[in-house]
Amino acid sequence: MTTLSASQSGLLRQYLVLTKPRVTQLAVFCAVIGMFLASPGLPDLQPVLAGTVGIWLLAAAAFAVNCLIEQEIDAKMLRTARRATARGTISNTQVLALSGLLGGAGMLVLYHFVNPLTMWLTFATFVGYAVIYTVILKPLTPQNIVIGGLSGAMPPALGWAAVANSVPAEAWLLVLIIFIWTPPHFWALALYRNNDYAKSGLPMLPVTHGKQFTRLHILLYSLVLFAATLLPYMVRMSGLLYLACAVVLSGMFVRYAWKLYKVYSDELARQLFRFSILYLALIFGALLIDHWVNLL
């Protein structure tokens, strides 16, 4: 019995890894921030809880499909070679069943307990990531992460729709911030994983255009990101507290990008990648805190 339980536990862990839980958590966090910003006070608890569950389920389903489609590519890369799909320890049928179960449950939750708009927007995001980005854009162009970045930037709009049943301009400003943040975040990873991507055959920017070109684009995008994070204050969506946080955090982002551009090292690229994750969480956290402070 002990052996069977350990085996079952190991299988569950393999399934969990396919849903990319850390990436899913960040996406859901941004969606939840959108939910709270959509309400002038505390939002109704039901759409918040149901929306969080539904968006998480569909995001997890999309990541599982991504692992299925890229199993041969993942097997060539050190970072992803241990995924169950890459090692063949979970069959394609099992992954499809997992994705179908999670995605179907997510759509039902969003439709019945949130609203149809959120369900359709989240489903469109699923298709955008799992099909358009993974199948078409990623193997086709080194600008894949730029063009396909919209699906990954959608969580704040999904969260906003869950509470307000609409997606106003303020929600799209949050989407814009993540959309511009995505390329420098991902290209930092691609820089220090350059050999992996070269083996995979994917046309990532450092592979097709070199590290110097990629570092320049990271710097340019970080400058645009700095400007984009000021927009919530400029349209009076947020106040001075958020503005101060945005200036400091974005300034740190630009500093990392400038150092990486001037003198490259894998360690600097890794530091920028790690900071970019913290940066996004702190920027959105600052938006929420500022929102609540202004309500007092």
C-alpha atoms as a PDB file:
ATOM      1  CA  MET A   1       0.000   0.000   0.000  1.00  0.00           C
ATOM      2  CA  THR A   2       2.839   2.374   0.826  1.00  0.00           C
ATOM      3  CA  THR A   3       4.467   1.783  -2.568  1.00  0.00           C
ATOM      4  CA  LEU A   4       1.176   2.368  -4.364  1.00  0.00           C
ATOM      5  CA  SER A   5       0.573   5.600  -2.462  1.00  0.00           C
ATOM      6  CA  ALA A   6       4.074   6.835  -3.270  1.00  0.00           C
ATOM      7  CA  SER A   7       3.518   5.978  -6.932  1.00  0.00           C
ATOM      8  CA  GLN A   8       0.205   7.815  -7.005  1.00  0.00           C
ATOM      9  CA  SER A   9       1.766  10.809  -5.285  1.00  0.00           C
ATOM     10  CA  GLY A  10       4.551  10.864  -7.860  1.00  0.00           C
ATOM     11  CA  LEU A  11       2.048  10.739 -10.705  1.00  0.00           C
ATOM     12  CA  LEU A  12       0.078  13.623  -9.234  1.00  0.00           C
ATOM     13  CA  ARG A  13       3.276  15.664  -8.975  1.00  0.00           C
ATOM     14  CA  GLN A  14       4.021  14.964 -12.638  1.00  0.00           C
ATOM     15  CA  TYR A  15       0.552  16.152 -13.619  1.00  0.00           C
ATOM     16  CA  LEU A  16       0.997  19.256 -11.461  1.00  0.00           C
ATOM     17  CA  VAL A  17       4.314  20.131 -13.134  1.00  0.00           C
ATOM     18  CA  LEU A  18       2.607  20.069 -16.541  1.00  0.00           C
ATOM     19  CA  THR A  19       0.319  22.903 -15.404  1.00  0.00           C
ATOM     20  CA  LYS A  20       3.395  25.111 -14.689  1.00  0.00           C
ATOM     21  CA  PRO A  21       2.122  26.102 -11.220  1.00  0.00           C
ATOM     22  CA  ARG A  22       4.541  28.997 -10.654  1.00  0.00           C
ATOM     23  CA  VAL A  23       3.625  30.678 -13.934  1.00  0.00           C
ATOM     24  CA  THR A  24      -0.049  29.965 -13.280  1.00  0.00           C
ATOM     25  CA  GLN A  25       0.174  31.558  -9.831  1.00  0.00           C
ATOM     26  CA  LEU A  26       1.613  34.786 -11.254  1.00  0.00           C
ATOM     27  CA  ALA A  27      -1.077  34.916 -13.942  1.00  0.00           C
ATOM     28  CA  VAL A  28      -3.867  34.305 -11.427  1.00  0.00           C
ATOM     29  CA  PHE A  29      -2.360  36.898  -9.069  1.00  0.00           C
ATOM     30  CA  CYS A  30      -2.569  39.524 -11.839  1.00  0.00           C
ATOM     31  CA  ALA A  31      -6.155  38.450 -12.554  1.00  0.00           C
ATOM     32  CA  VAL A  32      -7.095  38.859  -8.883  1.00  0.00           C
ATOM     33  CA  ILE A  33      -5.553  42.352  -8.840  1.00  0.00           C
ATOM     34  CA  GLY A  34      -7.759  43.167 -11.830  1.00  0.00           C
ATOM     35  CA  MET A  35     -10.789  41.952  -9.864  1.00  0.00           C
ATOM     36  CA  PHE A  36     -10.094  44.251  -6.920  1.00  0.00           C
ATOM     37  CA  LEU A  37      -9.259  47.249  -9.105  1.00  0.00           C
ATOM     38  CA  ALA A  38     -12.546  46.800 -10.987  1.00  0.00           C
ATOM     39  CA  SER A  39     -14.557  47.561  -7.846  1.00  0.00           C
ATOM     40  CA  PRO A  40     -14.733  50.944  -6.084  1.00  0.00           C
ATOM     41  CA  GLY A  41     -14.784  49.053  -2.788  1.00  0.00           C
ATOM     42  CA  LEU A  42     -14.411  45.413  -1.864  1.00  0.00           C
ATOM     43  CA  PRO A  43     -15.836  43.304  -4.715  1.00  0.00           C
ATOM     44  CA  ASP A  44     -18.494  40.641  -4.271  1.00  0.00           C
ATOM     45  CA  LEU A  45     -16.794  37.516  -2.964  1.00  0.00           C
ATOM     46  CA  GLN A  46     -18.497  35.043  -5.332  1.00  0.00           C
ATOM     47  CA  PRO A  47     -17.078  36.296  -8.662  1.00  0.00           C
ATOM     48  CA  VAL A  48     -13.680  36.732  -7.018  1.00  0.00           C
ATOM     49  CA  LEU A  49     -13.512  33.147  -5.764  1.00  0.00           C
ATOM     50  CA  ALA A  50     -15.217  31.565  -8.771  1.00  0.00           C
ATOM     51  CA  GLY A  51     -13.246  33.723 -11.194  1.00  0.00           C
ATOM     52  CA  THR A  52      -9.970  32.788  -9.527  1.00  0.00           C
ATOM     53  CA  VAL A  53     -10.788  29.079  -9.720  1.00  0.00           C
ATOM     54  CA  GLY A  54     -12.042  29.234 -13.310  1.00  0.00           C
ATOM     55  CA  ILE A  55      -9.115  31.281 -14.620  1.00  0.00           C
ATOM     56  CA  TRP A  56      -6.641  29.039 -12.796  1.00  0.00           C
ATOM     57  CA  LEU A  57      -8.206  25.897 -14.295  1.00  0.00           C
ATOM     58  CA  LEU A  58      -8.120  27.212 -17.864  1.00  0.00           C
ATOM     59  CA  ALA A  59      -4.576  28.535 -17.452  1.00  0.00           C
ATOM     60  CA  ALA A  60      -3.451  25.152 -16.133  1.00  0.00           C
ATOM     61  CA  ALA A  61      -5.165  23.445 -19.079  1.00  0.00           C
ATOM     62  CA  ALA A  62      -3.389  25.725 -21.560  1.00  0.00           C
ATOM     63  CA  PHE A  63       0.017  24.991 -20.018  1.00  0.00           C
ATOM     64  CA  ALA A  64      -0.653  21.245 -20.134  1.00  0.00           C
ATOM     65  CA  VAL A  65      -1.456  21.494 -23.854  1.00  0.00           C
ATOM     66  CA  ASN A  66       1.719  23.535 -24.331  1.00  0.00           C
ATOM     67  CA  CYS A  67       3.768  20.742 -22.731  1.00  0.00           C
ATOM     68  CA  LEU A  68       2.056  18.172 -24.942  1.00  0.00           C
ATOM     69  CA  ILE A  69       2.726  20.063 -28.173  1.00  0.00           C
ATOM     70  CA  GLU A  70       6.343  20.829 -27.237  1.00  0.00           C
ATOM     71  CA  GLN A  71       7.296  17.431 -25.814  1.00  0.00           C
ATOM     72  CA  GLU A  72       9.965  16.772 -28.459  1.00  0.00           C
ATOM     73  CA  ILE A  73      11.409  20.270 -28.019  1.00  0.00           C
ATOM     74  CA  ASP A  74      11.316  19.942 -24.224  1.00  0.00           C
ATOM     75  CA  ALA A  75      13.258  16.663 -24.424  1.00  0.00           C
ATOM     76  CA  LYS A  76      16.185  18.527 -26.054  1.00  0.00           C
ATOM     77  CA  MET A  77      16.377  21.235 -23.395  1.00  0.00           C
ATOM     78  CA  LEU A  78      17.966  20.820 -19.981  1.00  0.00           C
ATOM     79  CA  ARG A  79      15.404  23.126 -18.355  1.00  0.00           C
ATOM     80  CA  THR A  80      12.411  21.076 -19.523  1.00  0.00           C
ATOM     81  CA  ALA A  81      13.776  17.574 -20.123  1.00  0.00           C
ATOM     82  CA  ARG A  82      12.379  16.268 -16.828  1.00  0.00           C
ATOM     83  CA  ARG A  83       8.770  17.037 -17.705  1.00  0.00           C
ATOM     84  CA  ALA A  84       6.647  13.892 -17.867  1.00  0.00           C
ATOM     85  CA  THR A  85       5.655  14.614 -21.466  1.00  0.00           C
ATOM     86  CA  ALA A  86       9.309  14.951 -22.489  1.00  0.00           C
ATOM     87  CA  ARG A  87      10.257  11.695 -20.732  1.00  0.00           C
ATOM     88  CA  GLY A  88       7.172   9.845 -21.955  1.00  0.00           C
ATOM     89  CA  THR A  89       6.039   8.834 -18.465  1.00  0.00           C
ATOM     90  CA  ILE A  90       2.591  10.310 -19.132  1.00  0.00           C
ATOM     91  CA  SER A  91       0.870   9.511 -22.420  1.00  0.00           C
ATOM     92  CA  ASN A  92      -0.574  12.032 -24.857  1.00  0.00           C
ATOM     93  CA  THR A  93      -4.042  10.713 -24.114  1.00  0.00           C
ATOM     94  CA  GLN A  94      -3.570  11.308 -20.399  1.00  0.00           C
ATOM     95  CA  VAL A  95      -2.401  14.892 -20.993  1.00  0.00           C
ATOM     96  CA  LEU A  96      -5.347  15.595 -23.300  1.00  0.00           C
ATOM     97  CA  ALA A  97      -7.697  14.139 -20.689  1.00  0.00           C
ATOM     98  CA  LEU A  98      -6.110  16.325 -17.994  1.00  0.00           C
ATOM     99  CA  SER A  99      -6.358  19.456 -20.141  1.00  0.00           C
ATOM    100  CA  GLY A 100      -9.929  18.661 -21.180  1.00  0.00           C
ATOM    101  CA  LEU A 101     -10.993  18.059 -17.589  1.00  0.00           C
ATOM    102  CA  LEU A 102      -9.357  21.235 -16.266  1.00  0.00           C
ATOM    103  CA  GLY A 103     -10.442  23.403 -19.187  1.00  0.00           C
ATOM    104  CA  GLY A 104     -14.002  22.095 -19.239  1.00  0.00           C
ATOM    105  CA  ALA A 105     -14.375  22.565 -15.491  1.00  0.00           C
ATOM    106  CA  GLY A 106     -12.948  26.081 -15.760  1.00  0.00           C
ATOM    107  CA  MET A 107     -15.399  27.075 -18.489  1.00  0.00           C
ATOM    108  CA  LEU A 108     -18.343  25.695 -16.517  1.00  0.00           C
ATOM    109  CA  VAL A 109     -17.286  27.568 -13.384  1.00  0.00           C
ATOM    110  CA  LEU A 110     -16.823  30.855 -15.262  1.00  0.00           C
ATOM    111  CA  TYR A 111     -20.077  30.556 -17.217  1.00  0.00           C
ATOM    112  CA  HIS A 112     -22.337  29.556 -14.326  1.00  0.00           C
ATOM    113  CA  PHE A 113     -20.748  31.364 -11.380  1.00  0.00           C
ATOM    114  CA  VAL A 114     -19.121  34.416 -12.983  1.00  0.00           C
ATOM    115  CA  ASN A 115     -20.373  35.570 -16.398  1.00  0.00           C
ATOM    116  CA  PRO A 116     -20.196  34.466 -20.066  1.00  0.00           C
ATOM    117  CA  LEU A 117     -17.913  37.376 -21.023  1.00  0.00           C
ATOM    118  CA  THR A 118     -15.183  36.149 -18.670  1.00  0.00           C
ATOM    119  CA  MET A 119     -15.594  32.588 -19.906  1.00  0.00           C
ATOM    120  CA  TRP A 120     -15.224  33.547 -23.582  1.00  0.00           C
ATOM    121  CA  LEU A 121     -12.307  35.904 -22.946  1.00  0.00           C
ATOM    122  CA  THR A 122     -10.516  33.228 -20.923  1.00  0.00           C
ATOM    123  CA  PHE A 123     -11.227  30.608 -23.591  1.00  0.00           C
ATOM    124  CA  ALA A 124      -9.863  32.974 -26.258  1.00  0.00           C
ATOM    125  CA  THR A 125      -6.746  33.392 -24.131  1.00  0.00           C
ATOM    126  CA  PHE A 126      -6.447  29.593 -23.924  1.00  0.00           C
ATOM    127  CA  VAL A 127      -6.621  29.315 -27.720  1.00  0.00           C
ATOM    128  CA  GLY A 128      -4.205  32.226 -28.153  1.00  0.00           C
ATOM    129  CA  TYR A 129      -1.573  30.625 -25.946  1.00  0.00           C
ATOM    130  CA  ALA A 130      -2.017  26.898 -26.550  1.00  0.00           C
ATOM    131  CA  VAL A 131      -2.656  27.084 -30.307  1.00  0.00           C
ATOM    132  CA  ILE A 132      -1.725  30.407 -31.940  1.00  0.00           C
ATOM    133  CA  TYR A 133       1.428  31.029 -29.888  1.00  0.00           C
ATOM    134  CA  THR A 134       2.643  27.475 -29.249  1.00  0.00           C
ATOM    135  CA  VAL A 135       1.776  25.876 -32.603  1.00  0.00           C
ATOM    136  CA  ILE A 136       2.152  28.776 -35.047  1.00  0.00           C
ATOM    137  CA  LEU A 137       4.201  31.688 -33.715  1.00  0.00           C
ATOM    138  CA  LYS A 138       6.814  30.102 -31.463  1.00  0.00           C
ATOM    139  CA  PRO A 139       8.451  27.899 -34.126  1.00  0.00           C
ATOM    140  CA  LEU A 140       7.946  30.470 -36.908  1.00  0.00           C
ATOM    141  CA  THR A 141       9.467  33.808 -35.865  1.00  0.00           C
ATOM    142  CA  PRO A 142      12.011  35.209 -33.370  1.00  0.00           C
ATOM    143  CA  GLN A 143       9.363  37.821 -32.537  1.00  0.00           C
ATOM    144  CA  ASN A 144       7.123  35.025 -31.228  1.00  0.00           C
ATOM    145  CA  ILE A 145       7.113  36.264 -27.647  1.00  0.00           C
ATOM    146  CA  VAL A 146       6.204  39.789 -28.790  1.00  0.00           C
ATOM    147  CA  ILE A 147       3.351  38.826 -31.117  1.00  0.00           C
ATOM    148  CA  GLY A 148       2.067  36.042 -28.881  1.00  0.00           C
ATOM    149  CA  GLY A 149       2.500  38.034 -25.704  1.00  0.00           C
ATOM    150  CA  LEU A 150      -1.088  39.290 -25.705  1.00  0.00           C
ATOM    151  CA  SER A 151      -2.505  35.981 -24.499  1.00  0.00           C
ATOM    152  CA  GLY A 152      -0.087  35.968 -21.568  1.00  0.00           C
ATOM    153  CA  ALA A 153      -0.949  39.585 -20.792  1.00  0.00           C
ATOM    154  CA  MET A 154      -4.710  39.012 -20.529  1.00  0.00           C
ATOM    155  CA  PRO A 155      -5.173  37.985 -16.847  1.00  0.00           C
ATOM    156  CA  PRO A 156      -5.937  41.528 -15.532  1.00  0.00           C
ATOM    157  CA  ALA A 157      -8.640  41.941 -18.192  1.00  0.00           C
ATOM    158  CA  LEU A 158     -10.085  38.541 -17.288  1.00  0.00           C
ATOM    159  CA  GLY A 159     -10.191  39.481 -13.616  1.00  0.00           C
ATOM    160  CA  TRP A 160     -11.749  42.847 -14.382  1.00  0.00           C
ATOM    161  CA  ALA A 161     -14.418  41.193 -16.540  1.00  0.00           C
ATOM    162  CA  ALA A 162     -15.202  38.716 -13.754  1.00  0.00           C
ATOM    163  CA  VAL A 163     -16.228  41.507 -11.368  1.00  0.00           C
ATOM    164  CA  ALA A 164     -17.468  44.276 -13.684  1.00  0.00           C
ATOM    165  CA  ASN A 165     -18.756  42.188 -16.635  1.00  0.00           C
ATOM    166  CA  SER A 166     -16.906  44.643 -18.890  1.00  0.00           C
ATOM    167  CA  VAL A 167     -13.333  45.440 -19.908  1.00  0.00           C
ATOM    168  CA  PRO A 168     -12.794  49.228 -19.865  1.00  0.00           C
ATOM    169  CA  ALA A 169      -9.680  51.144 -20.891  1.00  0.00           C
ATOM    170  CA  GLU A 170      -8.187  50.881 -17.383  1.00  0.00           C
ATOM    171  CA  ALA A 171      -8.102  47.094 -17.669  1.00  0.00           C
ATOM    172  CA  TRP A 172      -6.335  47.302 -21.032  1.00  0.00           C
ATOM    173  CA  LEU A 173      -3.680  49.531 -19.451  1.00  0.00           C
ATOM    174  CA  LEU A 174      -2.836  46.653 -17.119  1.00  0.00           C
ATOM    175  CA  VAL A 175      -2.744  44.302 -20.099  1.00  0.00           C
ATOM    176  CA  LEU A 176      -0.391  46.719 -21.867  1.00  0.00           C
ATOM    177  CA  ILE A 177       2.040  46.696 -18.941  1.00  0.00           C
ATOM    178  CA  ILE A 178       2.303  42.901 -18.976  1.00  0.00           C
ATOM    179  CA  PHE A 179       2.456  42.863 -22.794  1.00  0.00           C
ATOM    180  CA  ILE A 180       5.530  45.146 -22.771  1.00  0.00           C
ATOM    181  CA  TRP A 181       7.049  43.370 -19.747  1.00  0.00           C
ATOM    182  CA  THR A 182       6.920  39.938 -21.405  1.00  0.00           C
ATOM    183  CA  PRO A 183       9.693  40.278 -24.053  1.00  0.00           C
ATOM    184  CA  PRO A 184      12.490  41.526 -21.741  1.00  0.00           C
ATOM    185  CA  HIS A 185      11.413  39.014 -19.095  1.00  0.00           C
ATOM    186  CA  PHE A 186      11.512  36.088 -21.511  1.00  0.00           C
ATOM    187  CA  TRP A 187      14.558  37.217 -23.503  1.00  0.00           C
ATOM    188  CA  ALA A 188      16.600  37.390 -20.275  1.00  0.00           C
ATOM    189  CA  LEU A 189      15.806  33.695 -19.795  1.00  0.00           C
ATOM    190  CA  ALA A 190      16.582  32.953 -23.447  1.00  0.00           C
ATOM    191  CA  LEU A 191      19.992  34.622 -23.104  1.00  0.00           C
ATOM    192  CA  TYR A 192      21.327  32.391 -20.355  1.00  0.00           C
ATOM    193  CA  ARG A 193      19.524  29.365 -21.824  1.00  0.00           C
ATOM    194  CA  ASN A 194      20.794  30.174 -25.312  1.00  0.00           C
ATOM    195  CA  ASN A 195      22.442  26.779 -25.868  1.00  0.00           C
ATOM    196  CA  ASP A 196      19.236  25.008 -24.892  1.00  0.00           C
ATOM    197  CA  TYR A 197      17.205  26.991 -27.402  1.00  0.00           C
ATOM    198  CA  ALA A 198      19.816  26.455 -30.110  1.00  0.00           C
ATOM    199  CA  LYS A 199      19.498  22.680 -29.575  1.00  0.00           C
ATOM    200  CA  SER A 200      15.703  22.867 -29.624  1.00  0.00           C
ATOM    201  CA  GLY A 201      15.564  24.463 -33.067  1.00  0.00           C
ATOM    202  CA  LEU A 202      13.269  27.250 -31.894  1.00  0.00           C
ATOM    203  CA  PRO A 203      14.035  30.633 -33.518  1.00  0.00           C
ATOM    204  CA  MET A 204      14.514  32.537 -30.289  1.00  0.00           C
ATOM    205  CA  LEU A 205      15.969  36.025 -30.652  1.00  0.00           C
ATOM    206  CA  PRO A 206      19.427  35.277 -29.106  1.00  0.00           C
ATOM    207  CA  VAL A 207      19.771  32.280 -31.449  1.00  0.00           C
ATOM    208  CA  THR A 208      18.722  34.050 -34.653  1.00  0.00           C
ATOM    209  CA  HIS A 209      20.127  37.547 -34.043  1.00  0.00           C
ATOM    210  CA  GLY A 210      22.759  37.093 -31.370  1.00  0.00           C
ATOM    211  CA  LYS A 211      23.100  38.137 -27.743  1.00  0.00           C
ATOM    212  CA  GLN A 212      24.123  41.747 -28.401  1.00  0.00           C
ATOM    213  CA  PHE A 213      21.009  42.396 -30.491  1.00  0.00           C
ATOM    214  CA  THR A 214      18.839  40.750 -27.825  1.00  0.00           C
ATOM    215  CA  ARG A 215      20.427  42.800 -25.030  1.00  0.00           C
ATOM    216  CA  LEU A 216      19.710  46.003 -26.944  1.00  0.00           C
ATOM    217  CA  HIS A 217      16.070  45.008 -27.350  1.00  0.00           C
ATOM    218  CA  ILE A 218      15.798  44.174 -23.651  1.00  0.00           C
ATOM    219  CA  LEU A 219      17.088  47.660 -22.832  1.00  0.00           C
ATOM    220  CA  LEU A 220      14.712  49.348 -25.291  1.00  0.00           C
ATOM    221  CA  TYR A 221      11.714  47.407 -24.025  1.00  0.00           C
ATOM    222  CA  SER A 222      12.632  48.211 -20.420  1.00  0.00           C
ATOM    223  CA  LEU A 223      12.563  51.925 -21.272  1.00  0.00           C
ATOM    224  CA  VAL A 224       9.147  51.548 -22.925  1.00  0.00           C
ATOM    225  CA  LEU A 225       7.994  49.563 -19.895  1.00  0.00           C
ATOM    226  CA  PHE A 226       9.071  52.438 -17.626  1.00  0.00           C
ATOM    227  CA  ALA A 227       6.852  54.791 -19.619  1.00  0.00           C
ATOM    228  CA  ALA A 228       3.941  52.322 -19.699  1.00  0.00           C
ATOM    229  CA  THR A 229       3.920  51.918 -15.922  1.00  0.00           C
ATOM    230  CA  LEU A 230       3.414  55.675 -15.554  1.00  0.00           C
ATOM    231  CA  LEU A 231       0.155  55.572 -17.525  1.00  0.00           C
ATOM    232  CA  PRO A 232      -2.111  54.508 -14.624  1.00  0.00           C
ATOM    233  CA  TYR A 233      -1.053  57.655 -12.759  1.00  0.00           C
ATOM    234  CA  MET A 234      -1.345  59.846 -15.863  1.00  0.00           C
ATOM    235  CA  VAL A 235      -4.976  58.788 -16.471  1.00  0.00           C
ATOM    236  CA  ARG A 236      -5.780  59.218 -12.735  1.00  0.00           C
ATOM    237  CA  MET A 237      -6.289  55.508 -12.234  1.00  0.00           C
ATOM    238  CA  SER A 238      -3.766  55.584  -9.382  1.00  0.00           C
ATOM    239  CA  GLY A 239      -2.118  58.094  -7.066  1.00  0.00           C
ATOM    240  CA  LEU A 240       1.290  59.209  -5.849  1.00  0.00           C
ATOM    241  CA  LEU A 241       1.979  56.029  -3.875  1.00  0.00           C
ATOM    242  CA  TYR A 242       1.780  53.912  -7.011  1.00  0.00           C
ATOM    243  CA  LEU A 243       3.745  56.491  -9.006  1.00  0.00           C
ATOM    244  CA  ALA A 244       6.623  56.390  -6.518  1.00  0.00           C
ATOM    245  CA  CYS A 245       6.673  52.582  -6.553  1.00  0.00           C
ATOM    246  CA  ALA A 246       6.519  52.481 -10.359  1.00  0.00           C
ATOM    247  CA  VAL A 247       9.403  54.926 -10.734  1.00  0.00           C
ATOM    248  CA  VAL A 248      11.622  53.065  -8.271  1.00  0.00           C
ATOM    249  CA  LEU A 249      10.811  49.560  -9.555  1.00  0.00           C
ATOM    250  CA  SER A 250      10.991  50.491 -13.236  1.00  0.00           C
ATOM    251  CA  GLY A 251      14.212  52.368 -12.591  1.00  0.00           C
ATOM    252  CA  MET A 252      15.666  49.181 -11.105  1.00  0.00           C
ATOM    253  CA  PHE A 253      14.466  47.227 -14.137  1.00  0.00           C
ATOM    254  CA  VAL A 254      16.174  49.689 -16.514  1.00  0.00           C
ATOM    255  CA  ARG A 255      19.342  49.551 -14.406  1.00  0.00           C
ATOM    256  CA  TYR A 256      19.477  45.751 -14.701  1.00  0.00           C
ATOM    257  CA  ALA A 257      18.862  46.012 -18.456  1.00  0.00           C
ATOM    258  CA  TRP A 258      21.573  48.683 -18.857  1.00  0.00           C
ATOM    259  CA  LYS A 259      24.136  46.626 -16.930  1.00  0.00           C
ATOM    260  CA  LEU A 260      23.269  43.583 -19.036  1.00  0.00           C
ATOM    261  CA  TYR A 261      23.643  45.609 -22.232  1.00  0.00           C
ATOM    262  CA  LYS A 262      27.020  47.034 -21.258  1.00  0.00           C
ATOM    263  CA  VAL A 263      28.668  43.855 -19.961  1.00  0.00           C
ATOM    264  CA  TYR A 264      27.013  40.493 -20.488  1.00  0.00           C
ATOM    265  CA  SER A 265      27.122  37.527 -18.149  1.00  0.00           C
ATOM    266  CA  ASP A 266      24.774  34.613 -17.650  1.00  0.00           C
ATOM    267  CA  GLU A 267      24.506  35.568 -13.988  1.00  0.00           C
ATOM    268  CA  LEU A 268      23.316  39.095 -14.850  1.00  0.00           C
ATOM    269  CA  ALA A 269      20.741  37.687 -17.274  1.00  0.00           C
ATOM    270  CA  ARG A 270      19.564  35.297 -14.570  1.00  0.00           C
ATOM    271  CA  GLN A 271      19.312  38.172 -12.073  1.00  0.00           C
ATOM    272  CA  LEU A 272      17.221  40.226 -14.497  1.00  0.00           C
ATOM    273  CA  PHE A 273      14.926  37.268 -15.173  1.00  0.00           C
ATOM    274  CA  ARG A 274      14.369  36.664 -11.461  1.00  0.00           C
ATOM    275  CA  PHE A 275      13.895  40.354 -10.709  1.00  0.00           C
ATOM    276  CA  SER A 276      11.379  40.694 -13.562  1.00  0.00           C
ATOM    277  CA  ILE A 277       9.069  38.191 -11.850  1.00  0.00           C
ATOM    278  CA  LEU A 278       9.285  40.047  -8.543  1.00  0.00           C
ATOM    279  CA  TYR A 279       8.913  43.351 -10.405  1.00  0.00           C
ATOM    280  CA  LEU A 280       5.576  42.410 -11.965  1.00  0.00           C
ATOM    281  CA  ALA A 281       4.169  41.176  -8.663  1.00  0.00           C
ATOM    282  CA  LEU A 282       5.280  44.368  -6.874  1.00  0.00           C
ATOM    283  CA  ILE A 283       3.953  46.700  -9.593  1.00  0.00           C
ATOM    284  CA  PHE A 284       0.524  45.102  -9.429  1.00  0.00           C
ATOM    285  CA  GLY A 285       0.648  44.933  -5.657  1.00  0.00           C
ATOM    286  CA  ALA A 286       1.432  48.664  -5.577  1.00  0.00           C
ATOM    287  CA  LEU A 287      -1.580  49.345  -7.807  1.00  0.00           C
ATOM    288  CA  LEU A 288      -3.832  47.492  -5.381  1.00  0.00           C
ATOM    289  CA  ILE A 289      -2.448  49.143  -2.236  1.00  0.00           C
ATOM    290  CA  ASP A 290      -2.699  52.576  -3.861  1.00  0.00           C
ATOM    291  CA  HIS A 291      -6.301  51.796  -4.873  1.00  0.00           C
ATOM    292  CA  TRP A 292      -7.247  50.937  -1.301  1.00  0.00           C
ATOM    293  CA  VAL A 293      -5.376  53.933   0.166  1.00  0.00           C
ATOM    294  CA  ASN A 294      -7.294  56.276  -2.151  1.00  0.00           C
ATOM    295  CA  LEU A 295     -10.586  54.756  -0.944  1.00  0.00           C
ATOM    296  CA  LEU A 296      -9.854  55.677   2.670  1.00  0.00           C
END
